[in-house]
N, C-alpha and C. Protein backbone atom coordinates (compact mmCIF):
# COMPACT_ATOMS: atom_id res chain seq x y z
N MET A 1 -18.68 -35.82 30.16
CA MET A 1 -19.35 -35.56 28.90
C MET A 1 -20.82 -35.95 29.01
N GLU A 2 -21.54 -35.22 29.77
CA GLU A 2 -22.96 -35.50 29.95
C GLU A 2 -23.71 -35.17 28.67
N ASN A 3 -24.61 -36.08 28.29
CA ASN A 3 -25.43 -35.90 27.10
C ASN A 3 -24.58 -35.73 25.84
N SER A 4 -23.63 -36.63 25.68
CA SER A 4 -22.83 -36.66 24.47
C SER A 4 -22.55 -38.12 24.14
N CYS A 5 -22.03 -38.37 22.95
CA CYS A 5 -21.73 -39.74 22.57
C CYS A 5 -20.62 -39.77 21.55
N ILE A 6 -20.03 -40.93 21.42
CA ILE A 6 -19.04 -41.17 20.38
C ILE A 6 -19.63 -42.21 19.44
N ILE A 7 -19.68 -41.85 18.17
CA ILE A 7 -20.18 -42.79 17.17
C ILE A 7 -19.01 -43.25 16.30
N GLU A 8 -19.17 -44.42 15.73
CA GLU A 8 -18.19 -44.92 14.78
C GLU A 8 -18.83 -44.84 13.41
N ALA A 9 -18.06 -44.32 12.45
CA ALA A 9 -18.59 -44.14 11.11
C ALA A 9 -17.56 -44.56 10.08
N ARG A 10 -18.04 -44.97 8.94
CA ARG A 10 -17.18 -45.28 7.81
C ARG A 10 -17.41 -44.20 6.77
N VAL A 11 -16.32 -43.56 6.35
CA VAL A 11 -16.41 -42.45 5.41
C VAL A 11 -16.05 -42.94 4.01
N ILE A 12 -16.84 -42.52 3.05
CA ILE A 12 -16.60 -42.86 1.65
C ILE A 12 -16.32 -41.54 0.92
N PRO A 13 -15.03 -41.25 0.64
CA PRO A 13 -14.69 -40.01 -0.04
C PRO A 13 -14.92 -40.09 -1.54
N ARG A 14 -14.93 -38.94 -2.18
CA ARG A 14 -15.09 -38.81 -3.64
C ARG A 14 -16.39 -39.43 -4.15
N ALA A 15 -17.44 -39.34 -3.36
CA ALA A 15 -18.75 -39.86 -3.77
C ALA A 15 -19.41 -38.84 -4.71
N GLN A 16 -20.41 -39.27 -5.41
CA GLN A 16 -21.12 -38.36 -6.32
C GLN A 16 -21.99 -37.37 -5.57
N GLU A 17 -22.46 -37.77 -4.39
CA GLU A 17 -23.28 -36.87 -3.59
C GLU A 17 -22.98 -37.07 -2.11
N GLN A 18 -23.24 -36.04 -1.33
CA GLN A 18 -23.04 -36.13 0.12
C GLN A 18 -24.30 -36.73 0.73
N LYS A 19 -24.09 -37.75 1.55
CA LYS A 19 -25.24 -38.46 2.10
C LYS A 19 -24.80 -39.25 3.32
N ILE A 20 -25.70 -39.42 4.28
CA ILE A 20 -25.44 -40.28 5.43
C ILE A 20 -26.39 -41.46 5.34
N LEU A 21 -25.81 -42.65 5.46
CA LEU A 21 -26.60 -43.88 5.41
C LEU A 21 -26.49 -44.58 6.74
N LEU A 22 -27.60 -45.04 7.26
CA LEU A 22 -27.62 -45.81 8.50
C LEU A 22 -28.06 -47.22 8.13
N GLN A 23 -27.09 -48.14 8.17
CA GLN A 23 -27.37 -49.53 7.82
C GLN A 23 -27.20 -50.38 9.06
N GLY A 24 -28.30 -50.61 9.76
CA GLY A 24 -28.25 -51.31 11.04
C GLY A 24 -27.50 -50.45 12.04
N GLU A 25 -26.40 -50.96 12.56
CA GLU A 25 -25.58 -50.20 13.51
C GLU A 25 -24.45 -49.44 12.82
N ILE A 26 -24.32 -49.61 11.50
CA ILE A 26 -23.22 -49.00 10.76
C ILE A 26 -23.66 -47.67 10.18
N ILE A 27 -22.87 -46.63 10.44
CA ILE A 27 -23.12 -45.31 9.87
C ILE A 27 -22.11 -45.09 8.77
N LYS A 28 -22.61 -44.84 7.56
CA LYS A 28 -21.73 -44.55 6.42
C LYS A 28 -21.97 -43.10 6.01
N ILE A 29 -20.88 -42.37 5.84
CA ILE A 29 -20.97 -40.97 5.45
C ILE A 29 -20.29 -40.82 4.09
N ARG A 30 -21.08 -40.49 3.09
CA ARG A 30 -20.54 -40.28 1.75
C ARG A 30 -20.26 -38.79 1.57
N ILE A 31 -19.04 -38.47 1.17
CA ILE A 31 -18.67 -37.07 0.96
C ILE A 31 -18.10 -36.90 -0.44
N THR A 32 -18.24 -35.73 -1.01
CA THR A 32 -17.74 -35.48 -2.35
C THR A 32 -16.26 -35.08 -2.36
N GLU A 33 -15.75 -34.59 -1.24
CA GLU A 33 -14.36 -34.15 -1.17
C GLU A 33 -13.39 -35.32 -1.13
N ALA A 34 -12.18 -35.04 -1.60
CA ALA A 34 -11.09 -36.01 -1.48
C ALA A 34 -10.48 -35.87 -0.09
N PRO A 35 -9.89 -36.93 0.44
CA PRO A 35 -9.30 -36.86 1.78
C PRO A 35 -7.92 -36.19 1.74
N VAL A 36 -7.91 -34.90 1.45
CA VAL A 36 -6.66 -34.15 1.30
C VAL A 36 -6.68 -32.94 2.23
N GLU A 37 -5.61 -32.76 3.00
CA GLU A 37 -5.41 -31.58 3.86
C GLU A 37 -6.58 -31.32 4.80
N GLY A 38 -7.21 -32.37 5.29
CA GLY A 38 -8.29 -32.21 6.27
C GLY A 38 -9.63 -31.81 5.70
N LYS A 39 -9.72 -31.64 4.38
CA LYS A 39 -10.98 -31.21 3.78
C LYS A 39 -12.06 -32.28 3.92
N GLY A 40 -11.66 -33.55 3.85
CA GLY A 40 -12.62 -34.63 4.03
C GLY A 40 -13.19 -34.65 5.44
N ASN A 41 -12.32 -34.48 6.44
CA ASN A 41 -12.77 -34.45 7.84
C ASN A 41 -13.69 -33.26 8.10
N GLU A 42 -13.36 -32.12 7.52
CA GLU A 42 -14.19 -30.92 7.66
C GLU A 42 -15.58 -31.18 7.06
N SER A 43 -15.61 -31.85 5.94
CA SER A 43 -16.87 -32.17 5.28
C SER A 43 -17.71 -33.13 6.12
N VAL A 44 -17.05 -34.11 6.76
CA VAL A 44 -17.76 -35.05 7.63
C VAL A 44 -18.46 -34.31 8.76
N CYS A 45 -17.74 -33.40 9.41
CA CYS A 45 -18.33 -32.63 10.51
C CYS A 45 -19.48 -31.75 10.01
N ARG A 46 -19.30 -31.14 8.86
CA ARG A 46 -20.32 -30.24 8.30
C ARG A 46 -21.60 -31.01 7.96
N ILE A 47 -21.48 -32.16 7.28
CA ILE A 47 -22.67 -32.91 6.88
C ILE A 47 -23.38 -33.50 8.10
N LEU A 48 -22.61 -33.94 9.10
CA LEU A 48 -23.23 -34.45 10.33
C LEU A 48 -23.99 -33.35 11.06
N ALA A 49 -23.37 -32.18 11.17
CA ALA A 49 -24.03 -31.06 11.86
C ALA A 49 -25.34 -30.69 11.16
N LYS A 50 -25.28 -30.62 9.85
CA LYS A 50 -26.49 -30.26 9.10
C LYS A 50 -27.57 -31.33 9.26
N SER A 51 -27.17 -32.59 9.17
CA SER A 51 -28.15 -33.68 9.27
C SER A 51 -28.75 -33.80 10.67
N LEU A 52 -27.94 -33.53 11.70
CA LEU A 52 -28.42 -33.64 13.08
C LEU A 52 -29.05 -32.35 13.59
N LYS A 53 -28.93 -31.29 12.79
CA LYS A 53 -29.49 -29.97 13.14
C LYS A 53 -28.87 -29.43 14.44
N ILE A 54 -27.53 -29.50 14.49
CA ILE A 54 -26.79 -28.94 15.62
C ILE A 54 -25.63 -28.12 15.08
N PRO A 55 -25.06 -27.20 15.88
CA PRO A 55 -23.91 -26.42 15.41
C PRO A 55 -22.69 -27.32 15.17
N LYS A 56 -21.91 -26.96 14.18
CA LYS A 56 -20.74 -27.77 13.79
C LYS A 56 -19.70 -27.87 14.92
N TYR A 57 -19.63 -26.85 15.78
CA TYR A 57 -18.62 -26.88 16.85
C TYR A 57 -18.89 -27.97 17.88
N LEU A 58 -20.07 -28.59 17.86
CA LEU A 58 -20.39 -29.66 18.79
C LEU A 58 -19.93 -31.03 18.27
N ILE A 59 -19.31 -31.06 17.10
CA ILE A 59 -18.86 -32.31 16.50
C ILE A 59 -17.36 -32.27 16.30
N SER A 60 -16.67 -33.33 16.74
CA SER A 60 -15.22 -33.40 16.54
C SER A 60 -14.80 -34.84 16.30
N ILE A 61 -13.81 -35.00 15.47
CA ILE A 61 -13.28 -36.33 15.18
C ILE A 61 -12.26 -36.67 16.26
N ARG A 62 -12.48 -37.78 16.95
CA ARG A 62 -11.61 -38.20 18.05
C ARG A 62 -10.49 -39.10 17.58
N SER A 63 -10.76 -39.97 16.61
CA SER A 63 -9.70 -40.82 16.07
C SER A 63 -10.06 -41.16 14.63
N GLY A 64 -9.03 -41.53 13.87
CA GLY A 64 -9.24 -41.87 12.47
C GLY A 64 -9.10 -40.69 11.54
N HIS A 65 -8.30 -39.69 11.94
CA HIS A 65 -8.14 -38.50 11.11
C HIS A 65 -7.65 -38.82 9.70
N LYS A 66 -6.87 -39.89 9.57
CA LYS A 66 -6.33 -40.26 8.26
C LYS A 66 -6.84 -41.62 7.81
N SER A 67 -8.00 -42.00 8.31
CA SER A 67 -8.58 -43.30 8.02
C SER A 67 -10.03 -43.14 7.57
N LYS A 68 -10.54 -44.15 6.88
CA LYS A 68 -11.95 -44.13 6.51
C LYS A 68 -12.84 -44.45 7.70
N LYS A 69 -12.29 -45.17 8.69
CA LYS A 69 -13.05 -45.48 9.90
C LYS A 69 -12.75 -44.40 10.94
N LYS A 70 -13.79 -43.75 11.42
CA LYS A 70 -13.62 -42.63 12.34
C LYS A 70 -14.47 -42.81 13.59
N ARG A 71 -13.96 -42.30 14.68
CA ARG A 71 -14.73 -42.18 15.93
C ARG A 71 -15.00 -40.70 16.11
N ILE A 72 -16.27 -40.35 16.19
CA ILE A 72 -16.69 -38.95 16.18
C ILE A 72 -17.46 -38.63 17.46
N LEU A 73 -17.00 -37.58 18.15
CA LEU A 73 -17.68 -37.11 19.35
C LEU A 73 -18.77 -36.14 18.96
N ILE A 74 -19.98 -36.39 19.46
CA ILE A 74 -21.11 -35.49 19.24
C ILE A 74 -21.59 -35.04 20.60
N GLU A 75 -21.44 -33.77 20.87
CA GLU A 75 -21.85 -33.22 22.16
C GLU A 75 -23.29 -32.72 22.08
N GLY A 76 -24.01 -32.86 23.18
CA GLY A 76 -25.37 -32.35 23.27
C GLY A 76 -26.45 -33.34 22.87
N LEU A 77 -26.06 -34.51 22.36
CA LEU A 77 -27.04 -35.53 21.97
C LEU A 77 -26.60 -36.89 22.47
N SER A 78 -27.55 -37.70 22.89
CA SER A 78 -27.24 -39.08 23.28
C SER A 78 -27.10 -39.93 22.01
N GLU A 79 -26.52 -41.10 22.15
CA GLU A 79 -26.38 -41.99 21.00
C GLU A 79 -27.75 -42.37 20.44
N HIS A 80 -28.70 -42.58 21.33
CA HIS A 80 -30.07 -42.91 20.90
C HIS A 80 -30.65 -41.78 20.05
N GLU A 81 -30.48 -40.54 20.50
CA GLU A 81 -31.02 -39.38 19.77
C GLU A 81 -30.32 -39.22 18.41
N VAL A 82 -29.01 -39.45 18.37
CA VAL A 82 -28.27 -39.35 17.11
C VAL A 82 -28.82 -40.36 16.11
N LYS A 83 -28.95 -41.61 16.53
CA LYS A 83 -29.44 -42.65 15.61
C LYS A 83 -30.89 -42.40 15.21
N LYS A 84 -31.66 -41.86 16.12
CA LYS A 84 -33.06 -41.53 15.81
C LYS A 84 -33.12 -40.46 14.71
N ARG A 85 -32.31 -39.42 14.87
CA ARG A 85 -32.31 -38.34 13.86
C ARG A 85 -31.76 -38.82 12.52
N LEU A 86 -30.73 -39.66 12.55
CA LEU A 86 -30.16 -40.17 11.30
C LEU A 86 -31.12 -41.13 10.61
N SER A 87 -31.85 -41.91 11.37
CA SER A 87 -32.79 -42.85 10.75
C SER A 87 -33.94 -42.11 10.06
N LYS A 88 -34.27 -40.92 10.53
CA LYS A 88 -35.32 -40.12 9.87
C LYS A 88 -34.89 -39.67 8.48
N LEU A 89 -33.57 -39.56 8.25
CA LEU A 89 -33.08 -39.16 6.93
C LEU A 89 -33.38 -40.21 5.89
N ALA A 90 -33.43 -41.47 6.31
CA ALA A 90 -33.66 -42.57 5.38
C ALA A 90 -35.14 -42.70 5.01
N ASP A 91 -36.02 -42.12 5.81
CA ASP A 91 -37.46 -42.23 5.54
C ASP A 91 -37.88 -41.41 4.35
């Protein structure tokens, strides 16, 4: 998996707005969908792809499909580049 990384994120379902927060080393992803029938996981991949400006097919959930804590594989970007792009969202 050259030029890819696995990030750990905490998902907050049923939020008022979709947003990604980077608090130190912790990535929090707020989604408006409920965690039902995979819709929450689909939303996590969609919001990450949009925020990182990469195609959605490069993002997949590796573990935590039924948990708020998820390990997410992002192909095509290093962990440093992912955190750099996410930190720009907070500016």
